[in-house]
Amino acid sequence: MLSHKHKRQTAFIVAVTVTTETGVEADAVTYAAMKPSAEEALASIQAVVDVHAHIAIVGKLSAQVAKAINLKRDEIRVI
């Protein structure tokens, strides 16, 4: 019998900043990404933001907070 276990998901907090053409850094936008790895979280955020944006993992949400904000498997959301 095949097992259909999902990979364990982690809620990563990802900060995204964009530098304008004048060299001024805009305000950071913070995302929550429920993914199996940090690399997948970064890739999913990169797919929805500007190519020149600076992206960094800045932490993780606890399982309790992720549940409280109703963050689902493989979801990304601005927080």
N, C-alpha and C. Protein backbone atom coordinates (compact mmCIF):
# COMPACT_ATOMS: atom_id res chain seq x y z
N MET A 1 0.84 -1.16 0.00
CA MET A 1 0.00 0.00 0.00
C MET A 1 0.89 1.24 0.00
N LEU A 2 0.59 2.21 -0.87
CA LEU A 2 1.38 3.42 -0.97
C LEU A 2 1.02 4.41 0.12
N SER A 3 2.02 5.07 0.62
CA SER A 3 1.82 6.10 1.62
C SER A 3 1.74 7.46 0.93
N HIS A 4 0.80 8.27 1.32
CA HIS A 4 0.63 9.59 0.72
C HIS A 4 0.97 10.69 1.72
N LYS A 5 2.03 10.48 2.47
CA LYS A 5 2.44 11.48 3.44
C LYS A 5 2.99 12.70 2.73
N HIS A 6 2.61 13.86 3.24
CA HIS A 6 3.12 15.12 2.70
C HIS A 6 4.41 15.47 3.42
N LYS A 7 5.26 16.21 2.71
CA LYS A 7 6.45 16.73 3.37
C LYS A 7 6.02 17.71 4.45
N ARG A 8 6.75 17.75 5.53
CA ARG A 8 6.45 18.68 6.61
C ARG A 8 6.62 20.11 6.10
N GLN A 9 5.67 20.95 6.38
CA GLN A 9 5.68 22.34 5.92
C GLN A 9 6.13 23.26 7.07
N THR A 10 6.81 24.33 6.70
CA THR A 10 7.24 25.35 7.65
C THR A 10 6.75 26.69 7.15
N ALA A 11 6.29 27.54 8.04
CA ALA A 11 5.85 28.88 7.67
C ALA A 11 7.03 29.84 7.79
N PHE A 12 7.59 30.22 6.65
CA PHE A 12 8.74 31.11 6.62
C PHE A 12 8.27 32.56 6.50
N ILE A 13 8.99 33.46 7.15
CA ILE A 13 8.73 34.90 7.00
C ILE A 13 9.80 35.42 6.04
N VAL A 14 9.35 36.06 4.95
CA VAL A 14 10.25 36.51 3.90
C VAL A 14 10.07 38.02 3.71
N ALA A 15 11.17 38.77 3.78
CA ALA A 15 11.14 40.22 3.55
C ALA A 15 11.57 40.50 2.12
N VAL A 16 10.85 41.41 1.47
CA VAL A 16 11.15 41.79 0.09
C VAL A 16 11.32 43.30 0.04
N THR A 17 12.47 43.76 -0.45
CA THR A 17 12.71 45.19 -0.64
C THR A 17 13.12 45.43 -2.08
N VAL A 18 12.75 46.59 -2.57
CA VAL A 18 13.09 46.97 -3.94
C VAL A 18 13.81 48.30 -3.89
N THR A 19 14.90 48.41 -4.62
CA THR A 19 15.62 49.67 -4.72
C THR A 19 15.15 50.38 -5.98
N THR A 20 14.76 51.64 -5.84
CA THR A 20 14.27 52.41 -6.98
C THR A 20 15.43 52.80 -7.88
N GLU A 21 15.09 53.37 -9.03
CA GLU A 21 16.12 53.78 -9.99
C GLU A 21 17.03 54.86 -9.42
N THR A 22 16.51 55.63 -8.47
CA THR A 22 17.32 56.69 -7.85
C THR A 22 18.20 56.16 -6.72
N GLY A 23 18.12 54.86 -6.44
CA GLY A 23 18.95 54.26 -5.41
C GLY A 23 18.32 54.25 -4.04
N VAL A 24 17.09 54.73 -3.94
CA VAL A 24 16.39 54.76 -2.66
C VAL A 24 15.70 53.43 -2.45
N GLU A 25 15.88 52.87 -1.26
CA GLU A 25 15.26 51.59 -0.95
C GLU A 25 13.83 51.82 -0.46
N ALA A 26 12.87 51.16 -1.09
CA ALA A 26 11.47 51.29 -0.72
C ALA A 26 11.20 50.50 0.56
N ASP A 27 10.02 50.73 1.15
CA ASP A 27 9.64 49.98 2.34
C ASP A 27 9.60 48.49 2.04
N ALA A 28 9.94 47.70 3.04
CA ALA A 28 9.92 46.25 2.88
C ALA A 28 8.49 45.74 2.93
N VAL A 29 8.22 44.73 2.14
CA VAL A 29 6.95 44.01 2.18
C VAL A 29 7.27 42.63 2.77
N THR A 30 6.47 42.20 3.71
CA THR A 30 6.72 40.93 4.38
C THR A 30 5.70 39.90 3.95
N TYR A 31 6.19 38.72 3.60
CA TYR A 31 5.35 37.61 3.17
C TYR A 31 5.48 36.46 4.15
N ALA A 32 4.42 35.67 4.24
CA ALA A 32 4.48 34.38 4.93
C ALA A 32 4.36 33.33 3.84
N ALA A 33 5.22 32.34 3.85
CA ALA A 33 5.20 31.28 2.84
C ALA A 33 5.24 29.93 3.53
N MET A 34 4.22 29.12 3.33
CA MET A 34 4.14 27.78 3.93
C MET A 34 4.71 26.80 2.90
N LYS A 35 5.97 26.42 3.10
CA LYS A 35 6.68 25.56 2.16
C LYS A 35 7.52 24.54 2.91
N PRO A 36 7.94 23.45 2.22
CA PRO A 36 8.76 22.43 2.87
C PRO A 36 10.20 22.88 3.15
N SER A 37 10.70 23.87 2.39
CA SER A 37 12.09 24.31 2.60
C SER A 37 12.21 25.80 2.36
N ALA A 38 13.28 26.37 2.87
CA ALA A 38 13.55 27.80 2.68
C ALA A 38 13.76 28.12 1.20
N GLU A 39 14.43 27.23 0.48
CA GLU A 39 14.68 27.45 -0.94
C GLU A 39 13.37 27.53 -1.73
N GLU A 40 12.42 26.66 -1.41
CA GLU A 40 11.12 26.69 -2.08
C GLU A 40 10.34 27.95 -1.72
N ALA A 41 10.47 28.40 -0.49
CA ALA A 41 9.81 29.64 -0.07
C ALA A 41 10.37 30.82 -0.86
N LEU A 42 11.69 30.90 -0.97
CA LEU A 42 12.31 31.99 -1.72
C LEU A 42 11.91 31.94 -3.20
N ALA A 43 11.90 30.76 -3.78
CA ALA A 43 11.54 30.61 -5.19
C ALA A 43 10.09 31.03 -5.44
N SER A 44 9.18 30.68 -4.55
CA SER A 44 7.77 31.02 -4.75
C SER A 44 7.54 32.52 -4.62
N ILE A 45 8.27 33.18 -3.73
CA ILE A 45 8.16 34.63 -3.58
C ILE A 45 8.79 35.31 -4.80
N GLN A 46 9.94 34.83 -5.23
CA GLN A 46 10.62 35.41 -6.40
C GLN A 46 9.73 35.38 -7.63
N ALA A 47 8.88 34.36 -7.74
CA ALA A 47 7.99 34.23 -8.90
C ALA A 47 6.91 35.31 -8.93
N VAL A 48 6.61 35.94 -7.80
CA VAL A 48 5.52 36.93 -7.78
C VAL A 48 5.99 38.37 -7.56
N VAL A 49 7.29 38.58 -7.36
CA VAL A 49 7.79 39.94 -7.15
C VAL A 49 8.72 40.35 -8.29
N ASP A 50 9.14 41.61 -8.27
CA ASP A 50 10.04 42.15 -9.28
C ASP A 50 11.36 41.37 -9.30
N VAL A 51 11.89 41.19 -10.48
CA VAL A 51 13.12 40.42 -10.66
C VAL A 51 14.28 41.04 -9.88
N HIS A 52 14.28 42.36 -9.74
CA HIS A 52 15.39 43.06 -9.08
C HIS A 52 15.18 43.24 -7.58
N ALA A 53 14.14 42.67 -7.05
CA ALA A 53 13.86 42.80 -5.61
C ALA A 53 14.85 41.98 -4.80
N HIS A 54 15.17 42.49 -3.63
CA HIS A 54 16.03 41.76 -2.69
C HIS A 54 15.12 40.96 -1.77
N ILE A 55 15.36 39.66 -1.71
CA ILE A 55 14.51 38.76 -0.94
C ILE A 55 15.36 38.06 0.11
N ALA A 56 14.82 37.99 1.34
CA ALA A 56 15.56 37.33 2.42
C ALA A 56 14.59 36.67 3.40
N ILE A 57 14.96 35.46 3.82
CA ILE A 57 14.23 34.79 4.89
C ILE A 57 14.62 35.50 6.19
N VAL A 58 13.63 35.97 6.95
CA VAL A 58 13.94 36.69 8.18
C VAL A 58 13.46 35.95 9.42
N GLY A 59 12.80 34.82 9.22
CA GLY A 59 12.36 34.05 10.38
C GLY A 59 11.32 33.01 10.01
N LYS A 60 10.71 32.45 11.04
CA LYS A 60 9.67 31.44 10.85
C LYS A 60 8.51 31.79 11.76
N LEU A 61 7.30 31.46 11.30
CA LEU A 61 6.12 31.59 12.15
C LEU A 61 5.95 30.30 12.93
N SER A 62 5.46 30.41 14.13
CA SER A 62 5.16 29.20 14.89
C SER A 62 3.95 28.52 14.26
N ALA A 63 3.79 27.25 14.53
CA ALA A 63 2.64 26.51 14.02
C ALA A 63 1.34 27.12 14.54
N GLN A 64 1.37 27.61 15.76
CA GLN A 64 0.19 28.22 16.36
C GLN A 64 -0.22 29.50 15.62
N VAL A 65 0.75 30.34 15.27
CA VAL A 65 0.45 31.58 14.55
C VAL A 65 0.02 31.27 13.12
N ALA A 66 0.69 30.33 12.46
CA ALA A 66 0.31 29.94 11.10
C ALA A 66 -1.14 29.44 11.08
N LYS A 67 -1.52 28.69 12.09
CA LYS A 67 -2.90 28.21 12.18
C LYS A 67 -3.86 29.36 12.45
N ALA A 68 -3.46 30.29 13.30
CA ALA A 68 -4.31 31.43 13.65
C ALA A 68 -4.62 32.31 12.44
N ILE A 69 -3.64 32.46 11.54
CA ILE A 69 -3.88 33.27 10.34
C ILE A 69 -4.38 32.42 9.17
N ASN A 70 -4.61 31.15 9.44
CA ASN A 70 -5.18 30.22 8.46
C ASN A 70 -4.30 30.08 7.21
N LEU A 71 -3.00 29.98 7.42
CA LEU A 71 -2.05 29.80 6.32
C LEU A 71 -2.05 28.34 5.90
N LYS A 72 -2.33 28.09 4.65
CA LYS A 72 -2.48 26.73 4.13
C LYS A 72 -1.19 26.23 3.50
N ARG A 73 -1.12 24.93 3.28
CA ARG A 73 0.01 24.28 2.63
C ARG A 73 0.27 24.92 1.26
N ASP A 74 1.53 25.23 0.97
CA ASP A 74 1.99 25.82 -0.30
C ASP A 74 1.41 27.20 -0.61
N GLU A 75 0.94 27.90 0.41
CA GLU A 75 0.38 29.24 0.22
C GLU A 75 1.42 30.29 0.55
N ILE A 76 1.37 31.41 -0.19
CA ILE A 76 2.15 32.59 0.17
C ILE A 76 1.18 33.73 0.34
N ARG A 77 1.49 34.62 1.30
CA ARG A 77 0.56 35.70 1.60
C ARG A 77 1.32 36.88 2.18
N VAL A 78 0.92 38.10 1.78
CA VAL A 78 1.48 39.30 2.38
C VAL A 78 0.94 39.39 3.81
N ILE A 79 1.85 39.66 4.74
CA ILE A 79 1.40 39.82 6.14
C ILE A 79 1.86 41.17 6.68
